[in-house]
C-alpha atoms as a PDB file:
ATOM      1  CA  MET A   1       0.068  -0.142   0.130  1.00  0.00           C
ATOM      2  CA  PRO A   2       1.559   3.317  -0.991  1.00  0.00           C
ATOM      3  CA  ILE A   3       2.450   5.842   1.737  1.00  0.00           C
ATOM      4  CA  LYS A   4       0.560   8.783   1.912  1.00  0.00           C
ATOM      5  CA  ASN A   5       2.439  12.452   1.382  1.00  0.00           C
ATOM      6  CA  TYR A   6       0.556  14.605   3.525  1.00  0.00           C
ATOM      7  CA  LYS A   7       1.189  18.488   2.662  1.00  0.00           C
ATOM      8  CA  ARG A   8       0.225  20.738   5.236  1.00  0.00           C
ATOM      9  CA  LEU A   9      -2.306  23.846   4.298  1.00  0.00           C
ATOM     10  CA  SER A  10      -0.929  26.947   3.457  1.00  0.00           C
ATOM     11  CA  LEU A  11      -1.809  30.474   3.772  1.00  0.00           C
ATOM     12  CA  LYS A  12      -3.021  29.981  -0.369  1.00  0.00           C
ATOM     13  CA  ASP A  13      -5.023  27.617   0.456  1.00  0.00           C
ATOM     14  CA  ARG A  14      -6.450  28.913   3.281  1.00  0.00           C
ATOM     15  CA  VAL A  15      -7.035  32.411   1.219  1.00  0.00           C
ATOM     16  CA  ILE A  16      -8.948  30.722  -1.554  1.00  0.00           C
ATOM     17  CA  ILE A  17     -11.157  28.374   1.804  1.00  0.00           C
ATOM     18  CA  GLN A  18     -11.667  31.712   2.685  1.00  0.00           C
ATOM     19  CA  THR A  19     -13.160  33.145  -0.553  1.00  0.00           C
ATOM     20  CA  LEU A  20     -15.228  30.614  -1.490  1.00  0.00           C
ATOM     21  CA  LEU A  21     -17.137  30.922   2.139  1.00  0.00           C
ATOM     22  CA  GLU A  22     -17.940  34.170   1.616  1.00  0.00           C
ATOM     23  CA  GLU A  23     -19.352  33.030  -2.017  1.00  0.00           C
ATOM     24  CA  ASN A  24     -21.542  30.735  -0.399  1.00  0.00           C
ATOM     25  CA  LYS A  25     -19.706  27.468  -1.745  1.00  0.00           C
ATOM     26  CA  SER A  26     -19.901  23.952  -0.255  1.00  0.00           C
ATOM     27  CA  LYS A  27     -17.356  22.086   1.847  1.00  0.00           C
ATOM     28  CA  SER A  28     -17.195  19.222  -0.907  1.00  0.00           C
ATOM     29  CA  PHE A  29     -16.509  22.001  -3.484  1.00  0.00           C
ATOM     30  CA  ILE A  30     -13.980  24.033  -1.769  1.00  0.00           C
ATOM     31  CA  ALA A  31     -12.079  20.025  -1.564  1.00  0.00           C
ATOM     32  CA  LYS A  32     -12.967  19.444  -5.172  1.00  0.00           C
ATOM     33  CA  LYS A  33     -11.132  22.661  -5.880  1.00  0.00           C
ATOM     34  CA  LEU A  34      -7.956  22.215  -3.828  1.00  0.00           C
ATOM     35  CA  SER A  35      -7.571  18.637  -4.350  1.00  0.00           C
ATOM     36  CA  ARG A  36      -8.130  17.921  -0.886  1.00  0.00           C
ATOM     37  CA  SER A  37     -10.376  15.608   1.631  1.00  0.00           C
ATOM     38  CA  ARG A  38     -13.367  16.926   2.438  1.00  0.00           C
ATOM     39  CA  SER A  39     -12.635  15.982   6.299  1.00  0.00           C
ATOM     40  CA  THR A  40      -9.804  18.043   5.516  1.00  0.00           C
ATOM     41  CA  ILE A  41     -11.533  21.124   4.407  1.00  0.00           C
ATOM     42  CA  THR A  42     -14.570  20.340   7.416  1.00  0.00           C
ATOM     43  CA  ARG A  43     -11.848  20.187  10.194  1.00  0.00           C
ATOM     44  CA  GLU A  44     -10.071  23.690   9.142  1.00  0.00           C
ATOM     45  CA  ILE A  45     -13.441  25.473   8.665  1.00  0.00           C
ATOM     46  CA  LYS A  46     -15.095  23.545  12.239  1.00  0.00           C
ATOM     47  CA  LYS A  47     -11.717  25.556  14.088  1.00  0.00           C
ATOM     48  CA  TRP A  48     -13.556  28.997  12.940  1.00  0.00           C
ATOM     49  CA  ILE A  49     -17.214  28.874  12.157  1.00  0.00           C
ATOM     50  CA  ILE A  50     -18.719  27.408  15.481  1.00  0.00           C
ATOM     51  CA  LYS A  51     -22.058  29.388  15.840  1.00  0.00           C
ATOM     52  CA  PRO A  52     -24.017  31.503  13.034  1.00  0.00           C
ATOM     53  CA  GLY A  53     -22.295  35.342  12.480  1.00  0.00           C
ATOM     54  CA  ASP A  54     -18.881  33.876  12.386  1.00  0.00           C
ATOM     55  CA  LYS A  55     -16.436  34.274   9.800  1.00  0.00           C
ATOM     56  CA  TYR A  56     -13.531  32.574   8.425  1.00  0.00           C
ATOM     57  CA  ASP A  57      -9.621  34.465   8.398  1.00  0.00           C
ATOM     58  CA  ALA A  58      -7.334  33.566   6.379  1.00  0.00           C
ATOM     59  CA  SER A  59      -4.317  35.254   8.074  1.00  0.00           C
ATOM     60  CA  LEU A  60      -5.575  34.643  11.411  1.00  0.00           C
ATOM     61  CA  ALA A  61      -6.047  30.547  11.012  1.00  0.00           C
ATOM     62  CA  ASP A  62      -2.702  30.573   9.006  1.00  0.00           C
ATOM     63  CA  TRP A  63      -0.864  32.127  12.202  1.00  0.00           C
ATOM     64  CA  ASN A  64      -2.773  30.133  14.756  1.00  0.00           C
ATOM     65  CA  ALA A  65      -1.454  26.873  12.996  1.00  0.00           C
ATOM     66  CA  LYS A  66       1.803  27.833  12.481  1.00  0.00           C
ATOM     67  CA  ASP A  67       1.876  28.744  16.506  1.00  0.00           C
ATOM     68  CA  ASP A  68       0.415  25.429  17.155  1.00  0.00           C
ATOM     69  CA  TYR A  69       2.859  23.713  14.777  1.00  0.00           C
ATOM     70  CA  LEU A  70       5.769  25.787  16.846  1.00  0.00           C
ATOM     71  CA  ASN A  71       4.618  25.215  20.064  1.00  0.00           C
ATOM     72  CA  LYS A  72       4.280  21.430  19.489  1.00  0.00           C
ATOM     73  CA  ARG A  73       8.172  21.474  19.094  1.00  0.00           C
ATOM     74  CA  ASN A  74       8.980  23.410  22.242  1.00  0.00           C
ATOM     75  CA  LYS A  75       9.599  26.762  20.105  1.00  0.00           C
ATOM     76  CA  ASP A  76       8.232  29.222  22.037  1.00  0.00           C
ATOM     77  CA  LYS A  77       6.469  32.543  19.944  1.00  0.00           C
ATOM     78  CA  ILE A  78       9.181  35.188  21.180  1.00  0.00           C
ATOM     79  CA  SER A  79      11.911  32.846  19.584  1.00  0.00           C
ATOM     80  CA  THR A  80       9.583  32.391  16.500  1.00  0.00           C
ATOM     81  CA  PHE A  81       8.803  36.029  15.942  1.00  0.00           C
ATOM     82  CA  PRO A  82      11.551  38.750  15.634  1.00  0.00           C
ATOM     83  CA  ARG A  83       9.649  41.990  16.350  1.00  0.00           C
ATOM     84  CA  LEU A  84       7.707  40.266  19.041  1.00  0.00           C
ATOM     85  CA  LYS A  85      11.266  39.394  20.468  1.00  0.00           C
ATOM     86  CA  ILE A  86      12.881  43.184  20.486  1.00  0.00           C
ATOM     87  CA  TYR A  87       9.605  44.776  21.775  1.00  0.00           C
ATOM     88  CA  VAL A  88      10.001  42.349  24.585  1.00  0.00           C
ATOM     89  CA  TYR A  89      13.788  42.498  24.873  1.00  0.00           C
ATOM     90  CA  LYS A  90      13.562  46.075  24.760  1.00  0.00           C
ATOM     91  CA  GLY A  91      10.636  46.445  27.379  1.00  0.00           C
ATOM     92  CA  LEU A  92      13.107  44.656  30.190  1.00  0.00           C
ATOM     93  CA  LEU A  93      15.753  47.291  29.126  1.00  0.00           C
ATOM     94  CA  LYS A  94      13.669  49.907  30.465  1.00  0.00           C
ATOM     95  CA  ARG A  95      13.309  47.753  33.205  1.00  0.00           C
ATOM     96  CA  TRP A  96       9.570  46.860  32.753  1.00  0.00           C
ATOM     97  CA  SER A  97       8.310  43.714  34.388  1.00  0.00           C
ATOM     98  CA  PRO A  98       6.682  40.695  32.125  1.00  0.00           C
ATOM     99  CA  GLU A  99       3.765  41.469  33.302  1.00  0.00           C
ATOM    100  CA  GLN A 100       3.992  45.402  32.514  1.00  0.00           C
ATOM    101  CA  ILE A 101       5.884  44.081  28.874  1.00  0.00           C
ATOM    102  CA  ALA A 102       2.407  41.884  28.334  1.00  0.00           C
ATOM    103  CA  GLY A 103       0.009  44.484  29.024  1.00  0.00           C
ATOM    104  CA  ARG A 104       1.266  47.475  27.226  1.00  0.00           C
ATOM    105  CA  ILE A 105       1.928  44.970  23.998  1.00  0.00           C
ATOM    106  CA  LYS A 106      -1.928  44.520  24.462  1.00  0.00           C
ATOM    107  CA  LYS A 107      -2.410  48.579  24.538  1.00  0.00           C
ATOM    108  CA  GLU A 108      -0.031  49.218  21.627  1.00  0.00           C
ATOM    109  CA  HIS A 109      -1.245  46.004  19.503  1.00  0.00           C
ATOM    110  CA  PRO A 110      -4.532  45.426  20.139  1.00  0.00           C
ATOM    111  CA  LYS A 111      -5.567  43.219  16.673  1.00  0.00           C
ATOM    112  CA  ASP A 112      -2.021  41.778  15.669  1.00  0.00           C
ATOM    113  CA  PRO A 113      -1.734  38.017  16.998  1.00  0.00           C
ATOM    114  CA  VAL A 114       1.975  38.062  16.570  1.00  0.00           C
ATOM    115  CA  MET A 115       2.232  40.659  18.788  1.00  0.00           C
ATOM    116  CA  ALA A 116       0.480  39.404  21.821  1.00  0.00           C
ATOM    117  CA  ILE A 117       1.883  37.658  24.867  1.00  0.00           C
ATOM    118  CA  SER A 118       1.228  36.442  28.358  1.00  0.00           C
ATOM    119  CA  TYR A 119       3.797  37.374  31.364  1.00  0.00           C
ATOM    120  CA  GLU A 120       3.556  33.798  32.047  1.00  0.00           C
ATOM    121  CA  ALA A 121       5.033  33.212  28.548  1.00  0.00           C
ATOM    122  CA  ASN A 122       7.741  35.751  28.888  1.00  0.00           C
ATOM    123  CA  TYR A 123       8.488  34.359  32.218  1.00  0.00           C
ATOM    124  CA  THR A 124       8.855  30.921  30.522  1.00  0.00           C
ATOM    125  CA  HIS A 125      11.115  31.939  27.630  1.00  0.00           C
ATOM    126  CA  ILE A 126      13.662  34.157  30.372  1.00  0.00           C
ATOM    127  CA  TYR A 127      13.666  31.060  32.411  1.00  0.00           C
ATOM    128  CA  SER A 128      14.066  28.534  29.585  1.00  0.00           C
ATOM    129  CA  HIS A 129      17.430  28.119  29.426  1.00  0.00           C
ATOM    130  CA  ARG A 130      18.471  29.453  32.880  1.00  0.00           C
ATOM    131  CA  GLN A 131      22.359  28.498  32.613  1.00  0.00           C
ATOM    132  CA  ALA A 132      22.853  30.222  29.075  1.00  0.00           C
ATOM    133  CA  ARG A 133      24.754  33.607  28.749  1.00  0.00           C
ATOM    134  CA  LEU A 134      21.635  35.073  27.247  1.00  0.00           C
ATOM    135  CA  ASN A 135      19.153  34.106  29.898  1.00  0.00           C
ATOM    136  CA  LYS A 136      21.257  35.332  32.759  1.00  0.00           C
ATOM    137  CA  LYS A 137      21.392  39.123  30.836  1.00  0.00           C
ATOM    138  CA  LEU A 138      17.568  38.419  30.596  1.00  0.00           C
ATOM    139  CA  ILE A 139      17.202  37.468  34.316  1.00  0.00           C
ATOM    140  CA  LYS A 140      19.456  40.177  35.763  1.00  0.00           C
ATOM    141  CA  LEU A 141      16.725  42.455  33.790  1.00  0.00           C
ATOM    142  CA  LEU A 142      13.866  41.104  36.049  1.00  0.00           C
ATOM    143  CA  PRO A 143      12.676  42.876  39.127  1.00  0.00           C
ATOM    144  CA  TYR A 144      14.048  40.838  41.634  1.00  0.00           C
ATOM    145  CA  GLN A 145      16.675  39.129  39.287  1.00  0.00           C
ATOM    146  CA  LYS A 146      16.479  35.274  40.700  1.00  0.00           C
ATOM    147  CA  SER A 147      18.172  32.247  39.614  1.00  0.00           C
ATOM    148  CA  GLN A 148      14.194  30.512  39.200  1.00  0.00           C
ATOM    149  CA  ARG A 149      10.764  31.642  40.325  1.00  0.00           C
ATOM    150  CA  ARG A 150       9.695  30.889  43.519  1.00  0.00           C
ATOM    151  CA  ARG A 151       7.238  32.272  46.209  1.00  0.00           C
ATOM    152  CA  ALA A 152       7.915  34.247  49.378  1.00  0.00           C
ATOM    153  CA  CYS A 153       7.675  32.596  52.172  1.00  0.00           C
ATOM    154  CA  VAL A 154       5.344  33.872  55.263  1.00  0.00           C
ATOM    155  CA  SER A 155       7.140  34.884  58.361  1.00  0.00           C
ATOM    156  CA  THR A 156       5.716  34.865  61.804  1.00  0.00           C
ATOM    157  CA  LYS A 157       4.445  37.644  63.692  1.00  0.00           C
ATOM    158  CA  ARG A 158       6.626  39.010  66.483  1.00  0.00           C
ATOM    159  CA  GLY A 159       6.691  41.667  68.999  1.00  0.00           C
ATOM    160  CA  SER A 160       7.238  45.663  69.213  1.00  0.00           C
ATOM    161  CA  LYS A 161       8.939  48.316  71.129  1.00  0.00           C
ATOM    162  CA  ILE A 162       7.740  51.498  69.860  1.00  0.00           C
ATOM    163  CA  LYS A 163       5.853  53.787  72.377  1.00  0.00           C
ATOM    164  CA  ASP A 164       2.687  54.597  72.275  1.00  0.00           C
ATOM    165  CA  GLN A 165       1.818  53.499  68.528  1.00  0.00           C
ATOM    166  CA  VAL A 166      -1.213  52.662  67.277  1.00  0.00           C
ATOM    167  CA  SER A 167      -2.156  49.821  65.208  1.00  0.00           C
ATOM    168  CA  ILE A 168      -3.119  48.778  61.602  1.00  0.00           C
ATOM    169  CA  GLU A 169      -6.199  46.938  63.303  1.00  0.00           C
ATOM    170  CA  GLN A 170      -7.474  50.781  63.806  1.00  0.00           C
ATOM    171  CA  ARG A 171      -7.065  52.588  60.645  1.00  0.00           C
ATOM    172  CA  PRO A 172     -10.543  52.908  59.047  1.00  0.00           C
ATOM    173  CA  LEU A 173     -11.130  50.572  56.753  1.00  0.00           C
ATOM    174  CA  HIS A 174     -11.943  52.734  53.653  1.00  0.00           C
ATOM    175  CA  ILE A 175      -8.057  53.059  53.430  1.00  0.00           C
ATOM    176  CA  GLU A 176      -7.338  49.083  53.315  1.00  0.00           C
ATOM    177  CA  ASN A 177      -9.664  49.327  50.356  1.00  0.00           C
ATOM    178  CA  ARG A 178      -7.558  52.006  48.333  1.00  0.00           C
ATOM    179  CA  GLU A 179     -10.804  54.166  47.641  1.00  0.00           C
ATOM    180  CA  GLU A 180      -9.201  57.552  48.344  1.00  0.00           C
ATOM    181  CA  ILE A 181      -6.053  59.462  47.151  1.00  0.00           C
ATOM    182  CA  GLY A 182      -3.548  60.705  50.232  1.00  0.00           C
ATOM    183  CA  HIS A 183      -3.011  57.552  52.417  1.00  0.00           C
ATOM    184  CA  TRP A 184       0.774  56.470  52.418  1.00  0.00           C
ATOM    185  CA  GLU A 185       3.257  53.532  53.501  1.00  0.00           C
ATOM    186  CA  GLY A 186       6.840  54.119  54.875  1.00  0.00           C
ATOM    187  CA  ASP A 187       9.749  52.270  55.178  1.00  0.00           C
ATOM    188  CA  LEU A 188      14.047  52.214  55.331  1.00  0.00           C
ATOM    189  CA  VAL A 189      15.978  50.750  52.422  1.00  0.00           C
ATOM    190  CA  ILE A 190      19.203  49.558  54.195  1.00  0.00           C
ATOM    191  CA  GLY A 191      22.759  49.611  52.524  1.00  0.00           C
ATOM    192  CA  LYS A 192      25.917  48.174  53.374  1.00  0.00           C
ATOM    193  CA  GLY A 193      26.492  46.897  56.345  1.00  0.00           C
ATOM    194  CA  GLN A 194      23.354  48.369  58.142  1.00  0.00           C
ATOM    195  CA  LYS A 195      25.769  51.944  57.959  1.00  0.00           C
ATOM    196  CA  SER A 196      23.317  53.790  55.698  1.00  0.00           C
ATOM    197  CA  ALA A 197      19.784  54.112  54.337  1.00  0.00           C
ATOM    198  CA  ILE A 198      17.346  55.729  52.100  1.00  0.00           C
ATOM    199  CA  GLY A 199      14.012  56.480  52.814  1.00  0.00           C
ATOM    200  CA  THR A 200      11.125  55.584  50.731  1.00  0.00           C
ATOM    201  CA  ILE A 201       7.468  56.678  51.419  1.00  0.00           C
ATOM    202  CA  VAL A 202       4.789  55.209  48.520  1.00  0.00           C
ATOM    203  CA  GLU A 203       0.663  56.834  48.518  1.00  0.00           C
ATOM    204  CA  ARG A 204      -1.317  53.795  48.555  1.00  0.00           C
ATOM    205  CA  LYS A 205      -3.652  54.157  45.444  1.00  0.00           C
ATOM    206  CA  SER A 206      -1.768  55.968  43.235  1.00  0.00           C
ATOM    207  CA  ARG A 207       1.458  54.166  43.793  1.00  0.00           C
ATOM    208  CA  TYR A 208       3.671  57.549  43.941  1.00  0.00           C
ATOM    209  CA  THR A 209       6.722  57.208  45.582  1.00  0.00           C
ATOM    210  CA  CYS A 210       9.522  59.369  47.370  1.00  0.00           C
ATOM    211  CA  ILE A 211      12.565  58.109  47.460  1.00  0.00           C
ATOM    212  CA  VAL A 212      14.143  60.274  50.817  1.00  0.00           C
ATOM    213  CA  LYS A 213      17.801  61.057  51.235  1.00  0.00           C
ATOM    214  CA  LEU A 214      18.850  60.270  55.057  1.00  0.00           C
ATOM    215  CA  LYS A 215      22.156  61.325  56.696  1.00  0.00           C
ATOM    216  CA  ASP A 216      21.410  58.407  59.410  1.00  0.00           C
ATOM    217  CA  ARG A 217      19.219  56.169  60.448  1.00  0.00           C
ATOM    218  CA  LYS A 218      17.861  57.823  63.628  1.00  0.00           C
ATOM    219  CA  SER A 219      14.605  58.503  64.385  1.00  0.00           C
ATOM    220  CA  ALA A 220      14.710  62.412  64.478  1.00  0.00           C
ATOM    221  CA  THR A 221      16.502  62.157  60.611  1.00  0.00           C
ATOM    222  CA  VAL A 222      14.012  60.537  59.203  1.00  0.00           C
ATOM    223  CA  ARG A 223      11.030  61.880  61.100  1.00  0.00           C
ATOM    224  CA  LYS A 224      12.609  65.625  59.976  1.00  0.00           C
ATOM    225  CA  GLN A 225      13.236  64.460  56.409  1.00  0.00           C
ATOM    226  CA  PHE A 226       9.575  62.802  55.760  1.00  0.00           C
ATOM    227  CA  VAL A 227       7.967  65.443  57.308  1.00  0.00           C
ATOM    228  CA  LYS A 228       9.871  68.032  54.539  1.00  0.00           C
ATOM    229  CA  GLU A 229       8.387  65.502  51.567  1.00  0.00           C
ATOM    230  CA  PHE A 230       5.043  65.334  52.973  1.00  0.00           C
ATOM    231  CA  LYS A 231       4.676  68.908  53.074  1.00  0.00           C
ATOM    232  CA  ALA A 232       5.626  69.497  49.416  1.00  0.00           C
ATOM    233  CA  PHE A 233       2.146  67.891  48.492  1.00  0.00           C
ATOM    234  CA  ASP A 234      -1.284  69.660  49.092  1.00  0.00           C
ATOM    235  CA  LYS A 235      -2.855  69.113  52.157  1.00  0.00           C
ATOM    236  CA  GLN A 236      -5.415  66.640  50.418  1.00  0.00           C
ATOM    237  CA  LEU A 237      -2.752  64.279  49.156  1.00  0.00           C
ATOM    238  CA  THR A 238      -1.370  63.848  52.803  1.00  0.00           C
ATOM    239  CA  LYS A 239      -4.160  61.914  55.080  1.00  0.00           C
ATOM    240  CA  THR A 240      -2.494  59.158  57.137  1.00  0.00           C
ATOM    241  CA  LEU A 241       0.617  57.001  56.984  1.00  0.00           C
ATOM    242  CA  THR A 242       1.386  52.841  57.719  1.00  0.00           C
ATOM    243  CA  TYR A 243       4.725  52.239  58.617  1.00  0.00           C
ATOM    244  CA  ASP A 244       6.829  49.257  60.264  1.00  0.00           C
ATOM    245  CA  ASN A 245       8.297  48.551  63.232  1.00  0.00           C
ATOM    246  CA  GLY A 246      11.453  49.861  63.085  1.00  0.00           C
ATOM    247  CA  VAL A 247      12.559  52.403  65.744  1.00  0.00           C
ATOM    248  CA  GLU A 248      12.934  55.186  63.386  1.00  0.00           C
ATOM    249  CA  MET A 249       9.275  56.103  63.596  1.00  0.00           C
ATOM    250  CA  ALA A 250      10.050  56.527  67.474  1.00  0.00           C
ATOM    251  CA  GLN A 251       9.292  59.965  66.901  1.00  0.00           C
ATOM    252  CA  HIS A 252       5.351  59.616  64.996  1.00  0.00           C
ATOM    253  CA  ALA A 253       3.920  61.680  67.662  1.00  0.00           C
ATOM    254  CA  THR A 254       5.861  64.878  66.273  1.00  0.00           C
ATOM    255  CA  LEU A 255       5.258  63.808  62.898  1.00  0.00           C
ATOM    256  CA  THR A 256       2.011  63.753  63.608  1.00  0.00           C
ATOM    257  CA  LYS A 257       1.752  67.212  64.820  1.00  0.00           C
ATOM    258  CA  GLN A 258       3.689  68.576  62.290  1.00  0.00           C
ATOM    259  CA  THR A 259       1.929  67.280  59.429  1.00  0.00           C
ATOM    260  CA  GLY A 260      -1.390  66.640  60.444  1.00  0.00           C
ATOM    261  CA  MET A 261      -1.019  62.646  59.372  1.00  0.00           C
ATOM    262  CA  PRO A 262      -2.141  60.309  61.741  1.00  0.00           C
ATOM    263  CA  VAL A 263       1.030  56.916  61.660  1.00  0.00           C
ATOM    264  CA  TYR A 264      -0.891  53.632  61.890  1.00  0.00           C
ATOM    265  CA  PHE A 265       1.813  50.682  62.716  1.00  0.00           C
ATOM    266  CA  ALA A 266       1.586  47.326  60.810  1.00  0.00           C
ATOM    267  CA  HIS A 267       1.836  44.208  62.739  1.00  0.00           C
ATOM    268  CA  PRO A 268       5.464  42.969  63.539  1.00  0.00           C
ATOM    269  CA  TYR A 269       7.025  40.820  60.678  1.00  0.00           C
ATOM    270  CA  ALA A 270       3.709  41.152  58.381  1.00  0.00           C
ATOM    271  CA  SER A 271       5.597  42.887  55.754  1.00  0.00           C
ATOM    272  CA  TRP A 272       2.047  41.914  53.446  1.00  0.00           C
ATOM    273  CA  GLU A 273       0.432  44.935  55.791  1.00  0.00           C
ATOM    274  CA  ARG A 274       2.365  47.578  53.754  1.00  0.00           C
ATOM    275  CA  GLY A 275       2.401  45.400  50.608  1.00  0.00           C
ATOM    276  CA  THR A 276       2.609  48.653  48.345  1.00  0.00           C
ATOM    277  CA  ASN A 277       5.804  49.835  49.991  1.00  0.00           C
ATOM    278  CA  GLU A 278       7.658  46.792  50.310  1.00  0.00           C
ATOM    279  CA  ASN A 279       7.598  45.987  46.194  1.00  0.00           C
ATOM    280  CA  THR A 280       8.318  49.202  45.476  1.00  0.00           C
ATOM    281  CA  ASN A 281      11.344  48.991  47.687  1.00  0.00           C
ATOM    282  CA  GLY A 282      11.988  45.587  45.439  1.00  0.00           C
ATOM    283  CA  LEU A 283      11.696  47.870  42.269  1.00  0.00           C
ATOM    284  CA  ILE A 284      14.445  50.043  43.978  1.00  0.00           C
ATOM    285  CA  ARG A 285      16.642  47.552  44.607  1.00  0.00           C
ATOM    286  CA  ARG A 286      16.396  46.779  40.865  1.00  0.00           C
ATOM    287  CA  TYR A 287      18.830  50.003  40.937  1.00  0.00           C
ATOM    288  CA  PHE A 288      20.484  50.093  44.096  1.00  0.00           C
ATOM    289  CA  PRO A 289      21.096  46.086  44.865  1.00  0.00           C
ATOM    290  CA  LYS A 290      21.908  44.914  48.699  1.00  0.00           C
ATOM    291  CA  GLY A 291      25.289  45.972  49.822  1.00  0.00           C
ATOM    292  CA  THR A 292      24.822  49.445  48.366  1.00  0.00           C
ATOM    293  CA  ASP A 293      26.657  51.882  50.461  1.00  0.00           C
ATOM    294  CA  PHE A 294      24.030  55.007  50.108  1.00  0.00           C
ATOM    295  CA  SER A 295      26.452  57.403  51.808  1.00  0.00           C
ATOM    296  CA  LYS A 296      27.239  57.675  48.516  1.00  0.00           C
ATOM    297  CA  VAL A 297      24.483  58.155  46.653  1.00  0.00           C
ATOM    298  CA  SER A 298      23.324  61.826  45.837  1.00  0.00           C
ATOM    299  CA  GLU A 299      19.742  62.598  46.184  1.00  0.00           C
ATOM    300  CA  GLN A 300      20.191  63.844  42.621  1.00  0.00           C
ATOM    301  CA  GLN A 301      20.826  60.178  41.854  1.00  0.00           C
ATOM    302  CA  LEU A 302      17.675  58.962  44.432  1.00  0.00           C
ATOM    303  CA  LYS A 303      15.192  62.295  42.377  1.00  0.00           C
ATOM    304  CA  ARG A 304      16.206  60.452  39.225  1.00  0.00           C
ATOM    305  CA  ILE A 305      15.033  57.470  39.975  1.00  0.00           C
ATOM    306  CA  GLN A 306      12.377  58.105  41.487  1.00  0.00           C
ATOM    307  CA  ILE A 307      11.162  60.433  38.278  1.00  0.00           C
ATOM    308  CA  ALA A 308      11.544  56.872  36.274  1.00  0.00           C
ATOM    309  CA  LEU A 309       9.250  54.877  38.809  1.00  0.00           C
ATOM    310  CA  ASN A 310       6.649  57.628  38.795  1.00  0.00           C
ATOM    311  CA  ASN A 311       6.364  57.406  35.398  1.00  0.00           C
ATOM    312  CA  ARG A 312       6.500  53.901  34.871  1.00  0.00           C
ATOM    313  CA  PRO A 313       3.125  51.936  33.583  1.00  0.00           C
ATOM    314  CA  ARG A 314       1.780  49.492  36.228  1.00  0.00           C
ATOM    315  CA  LYS A 315      -0.456  46.756  36.190  1.00  0.00           C
ATOM    316  CA  ILE A 316      -2.741  47.823  38.720  1.00  0.00           C
ATOM    317  CA  LEU A 317      -3.437  51.129  37.223  1.00  0.00           C
ATOM    318  CA  ASN A 318      -4.278  49.949  33.790  1.00  0.00           C
ATOM    319  CA  TYR A 319      -0.824  50.504  32.454  1.00  0.00           C
ATOM    320  CA  SER A 320      -0.972  54.417  33.538  1.00  0.00           C
ATOM    321  CA  THR A 321       1.651  56.349  35.240  1.00  0.00           C
ATOM    322  CA  PRO A 322       1.589  57.042  39.538  1.00  0.00           C
ATOM    323  CA  VAL A 323       1.886  60.839  38.166  1.00  0.00           C
ATOM    324  CA  LYS A 324      -1.166  60.460  36.463  1.00  0.00           C
ATOM    325  CA  ALA A 325      -3.298  58.216  39.132  1.00  0.00           C
ATOM    326  CA  LEU A 326      -2.040  61.292  41.674  1.00  0.00           C
ATOM    327  CA  LYS A 327      -2.990  64.044  39.244  1.00  0.00           C
ATOM    328  CA  LEU A 328       0.065  65.807  39.328  1.00  0.00           C
ATOM    329  CA  GLU A 329       0.034  65.952  35.661  1.00  0.00           C
ATOM    330  CA  PRO A 330      -2.945  65.663  33.188  1.00  0.00           C
ATOM    331  CA  SER A 331      -4.353  62.737  32.033  1.00  0.00           C
END
């Protein structure tokens, strides 16, 4: 019995299918026209025409068939399409996360099936060959530069020693729900040998970030610099501050007196209660990895990074920027 030579449908074949369907030709007629079996044509059409009103698109069908074919052979989409690869790599070089790249490309190319990628597909491509030279470089461009993807562990709760602190449990519920602008989270990013630090304060709803230069980690220094930052904003934008249990916020009562902002304290070792701030500190660590001596970092350097972060598209803001979300810039 002779072996049949099976030939896949080409784009030209699919264009003929689309044209004949638009002329209301039957599947048998199309099969005869293309010298194909009726079952081949029927399978092809049924993939796309499921209910009345559905239309067959030759270009989309051809792209989908090629994508399926390549995926079966473990060649991912980014490796397959050069212009998609260029877009993803450029996004990584801009310090965008895989999620931001996936969201942004969807906005810029909404009807282009080639330029559509999920953030998981981006991660899969980056971690596909973790020991390869190129992949090591791509991993270095990620927010946390992990050698492999893993979930963070939750720490246990412990005590705190700050006097007269007000627990986060007493914070109004609408703050938790991010219903309005003006509620901030604060923390320090510690430098080399625990001897230097910078302050970070982040607005919960807009994700607007201030990076604060500190000459030391004393509570008086932190309070003075935070007050200076908050006073630069309109009163309506500075309503509350949520902090961890670091002793640098020991002068919280004075900060409240000078700014009118009540200070609430998260539970000890419960970083998820200030998740916005923790995430932001992770972004800052991309610029200043552990071991950085912040005493050698100028205020101008910090403000350049602050501007970059506040003009960075964020998934949580529907890929708008913190500057626009805080209404410091026209929409």
